[in-house]
Amino acid sequence: MAFKIFYDGQCPLCEIEIEHLKKRNTENRLAFVDITAADFADSYPHLDYQALDARIHGQHEDGRMVVGFDVMHEAWSRIGVRWLYGITRLPILRSVFDKIYLLFAKRRHKISYLLTRKERCESHCESKLK
């Protein structure tokens, strides 16, 4: 079983991060769930879409959920790149990074557009939930 990452497939920056993870996920230690996929609600009726859309979520094999940088740290750690997000989990810096992440998450589509010049669902709106 793999650590599941629930991500926003309509967010250009989110998709870039997920693509990097997918390329390095050679041992299938991660599973990826696009919360904007048309079948998401049917597949995961017990999960709160609004909560998942507000912040990235991950689910351990035992069902425990984690959010924000905890998800990214766990994901990158499982594929052998623990150092990439390691600083975000240091006790002295953790709360600072968590606040920064919350600011990013609330504004991720605007930030994505500024950095990538791609709209939220530029190429795949028809296949995604609105």
N, C-alpha and C. Protein backbone atom coordinates (compact mmCIF):
# COMPACT_ATOMS: atom_id res chain seq x y z
N MET A 1 0.85 -1.18 0.00
CA MET A 1 0.00 0.00 0.00
C MET A 1 0.89 1.24 0.00
N ALA A 2 0.39 2.34 -0.53
CA ALA A 2 1.17 3.55 -0.68
C ALA A 2 0.55 4.72 0.08
N PHE A 3 1.35 5.71 0.33
CA PHE A 3 0.91 6.96 0.93
C PHE A 3 0.13 7.73 -0.15
N LYS A 4 -1.14 8.04 0.11
CA LYS A 4 -1.98 8.74 -0.87
C LYS A 4 -1.83 10.24 -0.72
N ILE A 5 -1.70 10.90 -1.87
CA ILE A 5 -1.64 12.36 -1.90
C ILE A 5 -2.88 12.85 -2.63
N PHE A 6 -3.70 13.65 -1.94
CA PHE A 6 -4.90 14.25 -2.52
C PHE A 6 -4.52 15.67 -2.95
N TYR A 7 -4.50 15.91 -4.24
CA TYR A 7 -4.00 17.18 -4.75
C TYR A 7 -5.00 17.82 -5.73
N ASP A 8 -4.81 19.11 -5.96
CA ASP A 8 -5.65 19.88 -6.88
C ASP A 8 -5.05 19.81 -8.28
N GLY A 9 -5.64 18.99 -9.13
CA GLY A 9 -5.16 18.82 -10.49
C GLY A 9 -5.41 20.00 -11.40
N GLN A 10 -6.12 21.00 -10.92
CA GLN A 10 -6.36 22.20 -11.72
C GLN A 10 -5.39 23.32 -11.37
N CYS A 11 -4.49 23.08 -10.46
CA CYS A 11 -3.51 24.07 -10.03
C CYS A 11 -2.20 23.79 -10.76
N PRO A 12 -1.76 24.69 -11.64
CA PRO A 12 -0.54 24.45 -12.41
C PRO A 12 0.70 24.16 -11.54
N LEU A 13 0.90 24.89 -10.47
CA LEU A 13 2.06 24.62 -9.61
C LEU A 13 1.92 23.29 -8.90
N CYS A 14 0.72 22.96 -8.49
CA CYS A 14 0.48 21.67 -7.83
C CYS A 14 0.80 20.54 -8.79
N GLU A 15 0.37 20.68 -10.02
CA GLU A 15 0.62 19.63 -11.01
C GLU A 15 2.11 19.48 -11.30
N ILE A 16 2.85 20.58 -11.30
CA ILE A 16 4.30 20.51 -11.51
C ILE A 16 4.95 19.70 -10.39
N GLU A 17 4.57 20.00 -9.16
CA GLU A 17 5.11 19.27 -8.00
C GLU A 17 4.75 17.79 -8.09
N ILE A 18 3.51 17.50 -8.42
CA ILE A 18 3.07 16.10 -8.51
C ILE A 18 3.82 15.38 -9.63
N GLU A 19 4.04 16.03 -10.75
CA GLU A 19 4.80 15.40 -11.84
C GLU A 19 6.22 15.05 -11.41
N HIS A 20 6.85 15.95 -10.63
CA HIS A 20 8.19 15.65 -10.11
C HIS A 20 8.15 14.43 -9.20
N LEU A 21 7.14 14.35 -8.36
CA LEU A 21 6.99 13.19 -7.47
C LEU A 21 6.74 11.91 -8.28
N LYS A 22 5.86 11.99 -9.26
CA LYS A 22 5.54 10.81 -10.07
C LYS A 22 6.79 10.26 -10.77
N LYS A 23 7.64 11.14 -11.27
CA LYS A 23 8.86 10.70 -11.97
C LYS A 23 9.79 9.93 -11.03
N ARG A 24 9.80 10.30 -9.77
CA ARG A 24 10.71 9.68 -8.80
C ARG A 24 10.04 8.53 -8.02
N ASN A 25 8.79 8.29 -8.26
CA ASN A 25 8.02 7.28 -7.54
C ASN A 25 8.20 5.90 -8.18
N THR A 26 9.43 5.52 -8.41
CA THR A 26 9.73 4.28 -9.14
C THR A 26 9.36 3.02 -8.38
N GLU A 27 9.26 3.10 -7.06
CA GLU A 27 8.90 1.93 -6.27
C GLU A 27 7.45 1.97 -5.79
N ASN A 28 6.66 2.87 -6.38
CA ASN A 28 5.22 2.99 -6.08
C ASN A 28 4.93 3.15 -4.59
N ARG A 29 5.70 3.98 -3.94
CA ARG A 29 5.48 4.27 -2.53
C ARG A 29 4.44 5.35 -2.33
N LEU A 30 4.06 5.99 -3.43
CA LEU A 30 3.07 7.06 -3.40
C LEU A 30 1.92 6.73 -4.34
N ALA A 31 0.72 7.19 -3.97
CA ALA A 31 -0.45 7.11 -4.85
C ALA A 31 -1.00 8.53 -4.97
N PHE A 32 -1.49 8.87 -6.13
CA PHE A 32 -1.92 10.23 -6.40
C PHE A 32 -3.41 10.27 -6.71
N VAL A 33 -4.13 11.16 -6.02
CA VAL A 33 -5.57 11.28 -6.21
C VAL A 33 -5.88 12.74 -6.52
N ASP A 34 -6.33 12.98 -7.73
CA ASP A 34 -6.71 14.33 -8.16
C ASP A 34 -8.13 14.61 -7.65
N ILE A 35 -8.25 15.55 -6.74
CA ILE A 35 -9.56 15.84 -6.16
C ILE A 35 -10.50 16.52 -7.14
N THR A 36 -9.98 16.97 -8.29
CA THR A 36 -10.83 17.61 -9.29
C THR A 36 -11.25 16.63 -10.39
N ALA A 37 -10.87 15.37 -10.26
CA ALA A 37 -11.27 14.37 -11.25
C ALA A 37 -12.78 14.15 -11.17
N ALA A 38 -13.38 13.87 -12.30
CA ALA A 38 -14.83 13.72 -12.37
C ALA A 38 -15.37 12.64 -11.44
N ASP A 39 -14.60 11.59 -11.20
CA ASP A 39 -15.08 10.49 -10.36
C ASP A 39 -14.64 10.58 -8.90
N PHE A 40 -14.03 11.70 -8.52
CA PHE A 40 -13.52 11.81 -7.15
C PHE A 40 -14.60 11.62 -6.09
N ALA A 41 -15.70 12.33 -6.21
CA ALA A 41 -16.76 12.27 -5.19
C ALA A 41 -17.32 10.85 -5.06
N ASP A 42 -17.42 10.14 -6.16
CA ASP A 42 -17.92 8.76 -6.11
C ASP A 42 -16.90 7.83 -5.45
N SER A 43 -15.64 8.06 -5.71
CA SER A 43 -14.58 7.21 -5.17
C SER A 43 -14.28 7.49 -3.70
N TYR A 44 -14.48 8.74 -3.28
CA TYR A 44 -14.14 9.15 -1.91
C TYR A 44 -15.29 9.94 -1.28
N PRO A 45 -16.47 9.36 -1.16
CA PRO A 45 -17.62 10.10 -0.63
C PRO A 45 -17.45 10.50 0.84
N HIS A 46 -16.58 9.83 1.56
CA HIS A 46 -16.37 10.08 2.98
C HIS A 46 -15.43 11.27 3.24
N LEU A 47 -14.79 11.78 2.20
CA LEU A 47 -13.85 12.89 2.38
C LEU A 47 -14.51 14.23 2.03
N ASP A 48 -14.11 15.27 2.73
CA ASP A 48 -14.66 16.61 2.56
C ASP A 48 -13.88 17.35 1.46
N TYR A 49 -14.52 17.52 0.32
CA TYR A 49 -13.86 18.17 -0.82
C TYR A 49 -13.36 19.56 -0.45
N GLN A 50 -14.15 20.35 0.27
CA GLN A 50 -13.75 21.71 0.62
C GLN A 50 -12.46 21.71 1.44
N ALA A 51 -12.35 20.81 2.39
CA ALA A 51 -11.14 20.72 3.21
C ALA A 51 -9.94 20.31 2.35
N LEU A 52 -10.16 19.35 1.47
CA LEU A 52 -9.09 18.89 0.59
C LEU A 52 -8.66 19.98 -0.38
N ASP A 53 -9.61 20.78 -0.82
CA ASP A 53 -9.31 21.87 -1.75
C ASP A 53 -8.58 23.02 -1.05
N ALA A 54 -8.82 23.19 0.23
CA ALA A 54 -8.20 24.29 0.97
C ALA A 54 -6.72 24.04 1.23
N ARG A 55 -6.35 22.77 1.44
CA ARG A 55 -4.95 22.41 1.73
C ARG A 55 -4.70 21.00 1.20
N ILE A 56 -3.49 20.76 0.76
CA ILE A 56 -3.12 19.42 0.30
C ILE A 56 -3.21 18.46 1.49
N HIS A 57 -3.72 17.26 1.21
CA HIS A 57 -3.87 16.23 2.23
C HIS A 57 -3.16 14.95 1.78
N GLY A 58 -2.73 14.20 2.76
CA GLY A 58 -2.14 12.89 2.50
C GLY A 58 -2.75 11.89 3.46
N GLN A 59 -2.75 10.63 3.07
CA GLN A 59 -3.31 9.59 3.91
C GLN A 59 -2.31 8.44 4.03
N HIS A 60 -1.95 8.16 5.29
CA HIS A 60 -1.08 7.02 5.57
C HIS A 60 -1.85 5.72 5.37
N GLU A 61 -1.11 4.64 5.28
CA GLU A 61 -1.70 3.34 5.07
C GLU A 61 -2.70 2.96 6.16
N ASP A 62 -2.49 3.47 7.37
CA ASP A 62 -3.40 3.15 8.47
C ASP A 62 -4.62 4.07 8.53
N GLY A 63 -4.74 4.97 7.54
CA GLY A 63 -5.89 5.86 7.47
C GLY A 63 -5.67 7.25 8.05
N ARG A 64 -4.58 7.45 8.79
CA ARG A 64 -4.30 8.77 9.36
C ARG A 64 -4.09 9.79 8.24
N MET A 65 -4.69 10.96 8.41
CA MET A 65 -4.55 12.03 7.44
C MET A 65 -3.54 13.06 7.94
N VAL A 66 -2.78 13.63 7.02
CA VAL A 66 -1.87 14.73 7.32
C VAL A 66 -2.13 15.83 6.29
N VAL A 67 -1.73 17.05 6.61
CA VAL A 67 -1.98 18.19 5.72
C VAL A 67 -0.73 19.05 5.55
N GLY A 68 -0.78 19.87 4.49
CA GLY A 68 0.26 20.87 4.26
C GLY A 68 1.64 20.29 4.04
N PHE A 69 2.63 20.96 4.63
CA PHE A 69 4.01 20.52 4.45
C PHE A 69 4.27 19.12 4.99
N ASP A 70 3.45 18.66 5.93
CA ASP A 70 3.61 17.29 6.40
C ASP A 70 3.41 16.31 5.25
N VAL A 71 2.51 16.62 4.35
CA VAL A 71 2.26 15.77 3.18
C VAL A 71 3.49 15.75 2.28
N MET A 72 4.00 16.93 1.97
CA MET A 72 5.13 17.00 1.05
C MET A 72 6.38 16.39 1.67
N HIS A 73 6.59 16.62 2.94
CA HIS A 73 7.75 16.02 3.61
C HIS A 73 7.65 14.49 3.57
N GLU A 74 6.48 13.97 3.88
CA GLU A 74 6.28 12.51 3.84
C GLU A 74 6.48 11.96 2.44
N ALA A 75 5.92 12.63 1.46
CA ALA A 75 6.02 12.16 0.07
C ALA A 75 7.47 12.13 -0.41
N TRP A 76 8.16 13.24 -0.24
CA TRP A 76 9.55 13.29 -0.70
C TRP A 76 10.44 12.35 0.11
N SER A 77 10.13 12.17 1.38
CA SER A 77 10.90 11.23 2.21
C SER A 77 10.75 9.81 1.69
N ARG A 78 9.55 9.45 1.30
CA ARG A 78 9.30 8.09 0.83
C ARG A 78 10.00 7.76 -0.48
N ILE A 79 10.34 8.79 -1.23
CA ILE A 79 11.07 8.52 -2.48
C ILE A 79 12.55 8.87 -2.35
N GLY A 80 13.01 9.06 -1.12
CA GLY A 80 14.43 9.22 -0.87
C GLY A 80 14.98 10.63 -0.95
N VAL A 81 14.12 11.64 -0.88
CA VAL A 81 14.57 13.02 -0.96
C VAL A 81 14.08 13.77 0.28
N ARG A 82 14.32 13.19 1.43
CA ARG A 82 13.85 13.72 2.72
C ARG A 82 14.30 15.16 2.96
N TRP A 83 15.50 15.49 2.54
CA TRP A 83 16.08 16.81 2.80
C TRP A 83 15.29 17.94 2.15
N LEU A 84 14.59 17.65 1.05
CA LEU A 84 13.92 18.71 0.30
C LEU A 84 12.94 19.52 1.15
N TYR A 85 12.15 18.85 1.96
CA TYR A 85 11.20 19.53 2.82
C TYR A 85 11.56 19.40 4.30
N GLY A 86 12.71 18.83 4.58
CA GLY A 86 13.12 18.61 5.96
C GLY A 86 13.14 19.86 6.82
N ILE A 87 13.61 20.95 6.26
CA ILE A 87 13.69 22.19 7.03
C ILE A 87 12.31 22.68 7.47
N THR A 88 11.30 22.36 6.70
CA THR A 88 9.94 22.81 7.03
C THR A 88 9.38 22.11 8.26
N ARG A 89 10.00 21.02 8.67
CA ARG A 89 9.50 20.25 9.80
C ARG A 89 10.37 20.40 11.05
N LEU A 90 11.40 21.22 10.98
CA LEU A 90 12.21 21.48 12.17
C LEU A 90 11.34 22.20 13.20
N PRO A 91 11.37 21.76 14.45
CA PRO A 91 10.48 22.34 15.47
C PRO A 91 10.52 23.87 15.55
N ILE A 92 11.68 24.46 15.42
CA ILE A 92 11.79 25.91 15.55
C ILE A 92 11.19 26.66 14.35
N LEU A 93 11.12 26.00 13.20
CA LEU A 93 10.63 26.64 11.97
C LEU A 93 9.27 26.15 11.51
N ARG A 94 8.82 25.05 12.08
CA ARG A 94 7.59 24.40 11.63
C ARG A 94 6.39 25.35 11.55
N SER A 95 6.12 26.10 12.60
CA SER A 95 4.93 26.96 12.61
C SER A 95 5.05 28.08 11.58
N VAL A 96 6.26 28.56 11.35
CA VAL A 96 6.46 29.61 10.34
C VAL A 96 6.13 29.06 8.95
N PHE A 97 6.69 27.89 8.64
CA PHE A 97 6.42 27.29 7.33
C PHE A 97 4.95 26.91 7.17
N ASP A 98 4.32 26.45 8.24
CA ASP A 98 2.90 26.11 8.15
C ASP A 98 2.06 27.34 7.84
N LYS A 99 2.40 28.48 8.42
CA LYS A 99 1.68 29.73 8.12
C LYS A 99 1.92 30.18 6.69
N ILE A 100 3.16 30.04 6.24
CA ILE A 100 3.48 30.39 4.85
C ILE A 100 2.69 29.49 3.89
N TYR A 101 2.63 28.20 4.22
CA TYR A 101 1.88 27.27 3.37
C TYR A 101 0.40 27.67 3.30
N LEU A 102 -0.20 28.02 4.43
CA LEU A 102 -1.61 28.41 4.44
C LEU A 102 -1.84 29.62 3.54
N LEU A 103 -0.93 30.59 3.59
CA LEU A 103 -1.05 31.76 2.71
C LEU A 103 -0.95 31.34 1.25
N PHE A 104 0.00 30.46 0.95
CA PHE A 104 0.14 29.97 -0.42
C PHE A 104 -1.11 29.22 -0.86
N ALA A 105 -1.60 28.31 -0.02
CA ALA A 105 -2.74 27.47 -0.39
C ALA A 105 -3.97 28.31 -0.73
N LYS A 106 -4.20 29.37 0.02
CA LYS A 106 -5.36 30.23 -0.23
C LYS A 106 -5.23 30.98 -1.54
N ARG A 107 -4.01 31.23 -1.97
CA ARG A 107 -3.77 32.04 -3.16
C ARG A 107 -3.06 31.27 -4.27
N ARG A 108 -3.11 29.94 -4.21
CA ARG A 108 -2.30 29.14 -5.12
C ARG A 108 -2.63 29.34 -6.59
N HIS A 109 -3.88 29.63 -6.91
CA HIS A 109 -4.21 29.80 -8.32
C HIS A 109 -3.68 31.11 -8.87
N LYS A 110 -3.74 32.15 -8.08
CA LYS A 110 -3.16 33.43 -8.51
C LYS A 110 -1.64 33.34 -8.60
N ILE A 111 -1.03 32.71 -7.61
CA ILE A 111 0.42 32.54 -7.61
C ILE A 111 0.84 31.67 -8.79
N SER A 112 0.09 30.61 -9.04
CA SER A 112 0.38 29.73 -10.18
C SER A 112 0.34 30.51 -11.48
N TYR A 113 -0.67 31.35 -11.63
CA TYR A 113 -0.79 32.12 -12.86
C TYR A 113 0.40 33.08 -13.01
N LEU A 114 0.77 33.74 -11.92
CA LEU A 114 1.90 34.68 -11.98
C LEU A 114 3.20 33.97 -12.36
N LEU A 115 3.39 32.76 -11.87
CA LEU A 115 4.64 32.04 -12.11
C LEU A 115 4.64 31.23 -13.40
N THR A 116 3.49 30.72 -13.81
CA THR A 116 3.45 29.85 -14.99
C THR A 116 2.71 30.44 -16.17
N ARG A 117 1.92 31.47 -15.92
CA ARG A 117 1.05 32.07 -16.94
C ARG A 117 0.01 31.09 -17.45
N LYS A 118 -0.33 30.09 -16.62
CA LYS A 118 -1.37 29.12 -16.97
C LYS A 118 -2.57 29.36 -16.07
N GLU A 119 -3.75 29.33 -16.68
CA GLU A 119 -4.99 29.47 -15.94
C GLU A 119 -5.25 28.21 -15.13
N ARG A 120 -6.21 28.28 -14.23
CA ARG A 120 -6.51 27.16 -13.34
C ARG A 120 -6.79 25.87 -14.09
N CYS A 121 -7.65 25.89 -15.07
CA CYS A 121 -7.96 24.64 -15.78
C CYS A 121 -7.84 24.85 -17.28
N GLU A 122 -6.75 25.42 -17.67
CA GLU A 122 -6.49 25.79 -19.05
C GLU A 122 -6.74 24.69 -20.08
N SER A 123 -6.25 23.48 -19.81
CA SER A 123 -6.31 22.46 -20.86
C SER A 123 -7.24 21.29 -20.56
N HIS A 124 -7.85 21.24 -19.38
CA HIS A 124 -8.62 20.06 -19.06
C HIS A 124 -9.89 20.33 -18.26
N CYS A 125 -10.50 21.47 -18.49
CA CYS A 125 -11.70 21.82 -17.74
C CYS A 125 -12.83 20.83 -17.92
N GLU A 126 -13.00 20.31 -19.10
CA GLU A 126 -14.13 19.43 -19.39
C GLU A 126 -14.10 18.16 -18.52
N SER A 127 -12.90 17.69 -18.20
CA SER A 127 -12.81 16.44 -17.47
C SER A 127 -12.71 16.64 -15.96
N LYS A 128 -12.80 17.87 -15.51
CA LYS A 128 -12.64 18.15 -14.09
C LYS A 128 -13.94 18.68 -13.49
N LEU A 129 -14.05 18.51 -12.19
CA LEU A 129 -15.21 19.10 -11.48
C LEU A 129 -15.05 20.60 -11.43
N LYS A 130 -16.12 21.31 -11.37
CA LYS A 130 -16.06 22.77 -11.25
C LYS A 130 -16.22 23.14 -9.80
